[in-house]
Protein backbone atom coordinates (compact mmCIF):
# COMPACT_ATOMS: atom_id res chain seq x y z
CA MET A 1 0.00 0.00 0.00
CA GLY A 2 2.42 2.65 -1.16
CA VAL A 3 1.87 6.33 -1.56
CA VAL A 4 0.72 7.36 -5.02
CA ARG A 5 2.13 10.76 -5.96
CA LYS A 6 0.40 12.89 -8.56
CA LYS A 7 1.60 16.21 -9.90
CA SER A 8 -0.88 18.11 -7.76
CA GLY A 9 -1.44 15.67 -4.91
CA VAL A 10 -0.76 12.51 -2.97
CA SER A 11 -3.11 9.60 -2.37
CA ARG A 12 -2.84 6.45 -0.33
CA GLN A 13 -5.02 3.39 0.09
CA PHE A 14 -5.64 1.88 3.54
CA MET A 15 -7.62 -0.96 5.08
CA ALA A 16 -10.77 0.39 6.72
CA SER A 17 -9.67 0.26 10.35
CA PRO A 18 -9.97 2.69 13.27
CA VAL A 19 -6.16 3.05 13.35
CA VAL A 20 -6.22 4.56 9.86
CA SER A 21 -7.20 8.00 11.18
CA GLY A 22 -3.76 8.40 12.72
CA LEU A 23 -2.01 7.20 9.57
CA ALA A 24 -4.06 9.59 7.43
CA ARG A 25 -3.28 12.51 9.77
CA ASP A 26 0.43 11.66 9.51
CA LEU A 27 0.19 11.53 5.70
CA VAL A 28 -1.53 14.92 5.46
CA SER A 29 0.78 16.50 8.02
CA GLY A 30 3.87 15.27 6.20
CA VAL A 31 2.65 16.44 2.79
CA LEU A 32 1.71 19.90 4.05
CA ARG A 33 5.03 20.23 5.87
CA GLN A 34 6.84 19.21 2.66
CA TRP A 35 4.83 21.78 0.69
CA GLY A 36 5.75 24.52 3.20
CA MET A 37 2.24 24.93 4.63
CA PRO A 38 2.68 24.31 8.36
CA LEU A 39 -0.09 26.73 9.34
CA LEU A 40 -2.71 24.52 7.67
CA ILE A 41 -1.65 21.32 9.41
CA SER A 42 -3.81 21.55 12.54
CA ASP A 43 -7.05 22.18 10.62
CA ALA A 44 -6.16 19.69 7.87
CA VAL A 45 -5.41 16.80 10.22
CA LEU A 46 -8.64 17.43 12.12
CA VAL A 47 -10.65 17.45 8.87
CA VAL A 48 -9.02 14.34 7.41
CA GLY A 49 -9.36 12.53 10.74
CA GLU A 50 -13.11 13.19 10.78
CA LEU A 51 -13.54 12.17 7.13
CA VAL A 52 -11.59 8.96 7.68
CA ALA A 53 -13.55 8.11 10.82
CA ASN A 54 -16.78 8.42 8.84
CA ALA A 55 -15.44 6.30 5.96
CA VAL A 56 -14.27 3.59 8.36
CA ALA A 57 -17.62 3.62 10.17
CA VAL A 58 -19.55 2.85 6.97
CA SER A 59 -17.03 0.36 5.60
CA GLY A 60 -16.44 -3.26 6.51
CA VAL A 61 -13.17 -4.32 8.10
CA VAL A 62 -11.98 -5.95 4.86
CA ASP A 63 -12.83 -2.90 2.77
CA MET A 64 -10.36 -0.32 1.55
CA ILE A 65 -10.54 3.45 1.82
CA LYS A 66 -8.44 6.06 0.04
CA VAL A 67 -7.07 9.34 1.33
CA TYR A 68 -6.07 12.22 -0.93
CA VAL A 69 -4.39 15.56 -0.26
CA GLY A 70 -3.84 17.89 -3.16
CA LEU A 71 -3.72 21.44 -4.38
CA GLY A 72 -6.64 23.18 -6.02
CA PRO A 73 -6.91 26.80 -7.11
CA GLY A 74 -6.37 28.64 -3.81
CA ASP A 75 -7.12 25.53 -1.74
CA VAL A 76 -5.67 22.43 -0.21
CA VAL A 77 -8.12 19.67 -1.09
CA LEU A 78 -8.64 16.73 1.26
CA GLY A 79 -10.62 13.74 0.11
CA VAL A 80 -11.55 10.35 1.53
CA TRP A 81 -13.06 7.58 -0.60
CA ASP A 82 -15.15 4.68 0.63
CA GLY A 83 -17.02 2.01 -1.29
CA CYS A 84 -20.42 2.74 0.25
CA GLU A 85 -23.30 4.39 -1.58
CA GLY A 86 -24.81 6.35 1.32
CA GLN A 87 -24.20 10.07 1.46
CA PRO A 88 -22.81 11.71 4.60
CA VAL A 89 -25.30 13.53 6.79
CA VAL A 90 -24.40 16.55 8.89
CA ARG A 91 -25.97 16.28 12.32
CA LYS A 92 -27.15 19.32 14.17
CA VAL A 93 -24.61 20.19 16.84
CA GLU A 94 -26.33 20.29 20.20
CA ILE A 95 -24.52 19.08 23.25
CA SER A 96 -24.77 20.03 26.87
CA LEU A 97 -23.71 18.58 30.16
CA GLU A 98 -27.21 17.15 30.47
CA THR A 99 -27.02 15.27 27.13
CA LEU A 100 -23.38 14.17 27.40
CA ASP A 101 -23.20 10.52 28.47
CA LEU A 102 -19.94 9.90 30.33
CA SER A 103 -20.83 6.43 31.54
CA GLU A 104 -18.18 3.77 30.92
CA GLU A 105 -20.28 1.89 28.34
CA SER A 106 -21.14 5.07 26.37
CA PHE A 107 -17.98 7.14 26.85
CA ASP A 108 -16.87 6.80 23.19
CA ASP A 109 -20.39 7.08 21.78
CA ASN A 110 -20.98 10.83 22.08
CA GLY A 111 -19.85 11.62 18.55
CA GLY A 112 -21.68 12.28 15.35
CA ARG A 113 -20.62 15.88 14.98
CA GLY A 114 -17.54 15.36 12.80
CA LEU A 115 -19.05 16.70 9.57
CA ALA A 116 -20.18 19.86 11.36
CA ILE A 117 -16.55 20.37 12.41
CA VAL A 118 -15.40 19.76 8.82
CA GLU A 119 -17.92 22.30 7.49
CA ALA A 120 -16.81 24.86 10.07
CA LEU A 121 -13.14 24.56 9.05
CA ALA A 122 -13.48 24.12 5.29
CA ARG A 123 -14.09 26.72 2.62
CA ARG A 124 -16.36 24.18 0.93
CA CYS A 125 -17.33 20.50 1.18
CA TRP A 126 -18.72 18.16 -1.45
CA THR A 127 -19.14 14.54 -2.47
CA VAL A 128 -18.33 12.89 -5.79
CA PRO A 129 -19.97 9.55 -6.61
CA THR A 130 -17.67 6.95 -8.17
CA PRO A 131 -19.75 4.51 -10.21
CA PRO A 132 -20.24 1.62 -9.95
CA CYS A 133 -19.88 2.12 -6.21
CA GLY A 134 -18.57 4.46 -3.60
CA LYS A 135 -17.89 8.15 -3.27
CA TRP A 136 -15.26 10.73 -2.45
CA VAL A 137 -16.09 13.05 0.45
CA CYS A 138 -13.99 16.18 0.04
CA ALA A 139 -13.19 19.42 1.82
CA ALA A 140 -11.17 22.41 0.66
CA LEU A 141 -9.13 24.48 3.08
CA SER A 142 -8.22 27.96 1.97
CA LEU A 143 -4.57 28.67 1.25
CA ASP A 144 -5.24 32.13 2.70
CA SER A 145 -4.89 30.42 6.10
CA CYS A 146 -1.20 29.87 5.29
CA GLN A 147 -0.45 33.59 5.23
């Protein structure tokens, strides 16, 4: 599973596993550091981590996902591909101390707000279907943030 380098970007294929989020964050961080864009790293790794977590959640453990980081006009483009047909759904962000479940059995099940975070950080977000199956879920971060 090597890194595929394109003129305007880098992509890598991974097994759909919860540990992939960390690998994807490392990939994006390394590429942005290499491109001289250290000020975008914190937002970019948060965005790609959320996109990967969603792709892994809808994929089976034997499925593959793909991660892409590239340059668009005025943007760094982050994309995550999964083989599922369903479209991502942004949940309304409402959380309070009363609704937060910190019990041991539910401690890691208070999520569902990742796409709202992605939308808040990105200039734009979109999906691209990939017939016969799957989709890319993408987000563009403004290069103006690098200044």
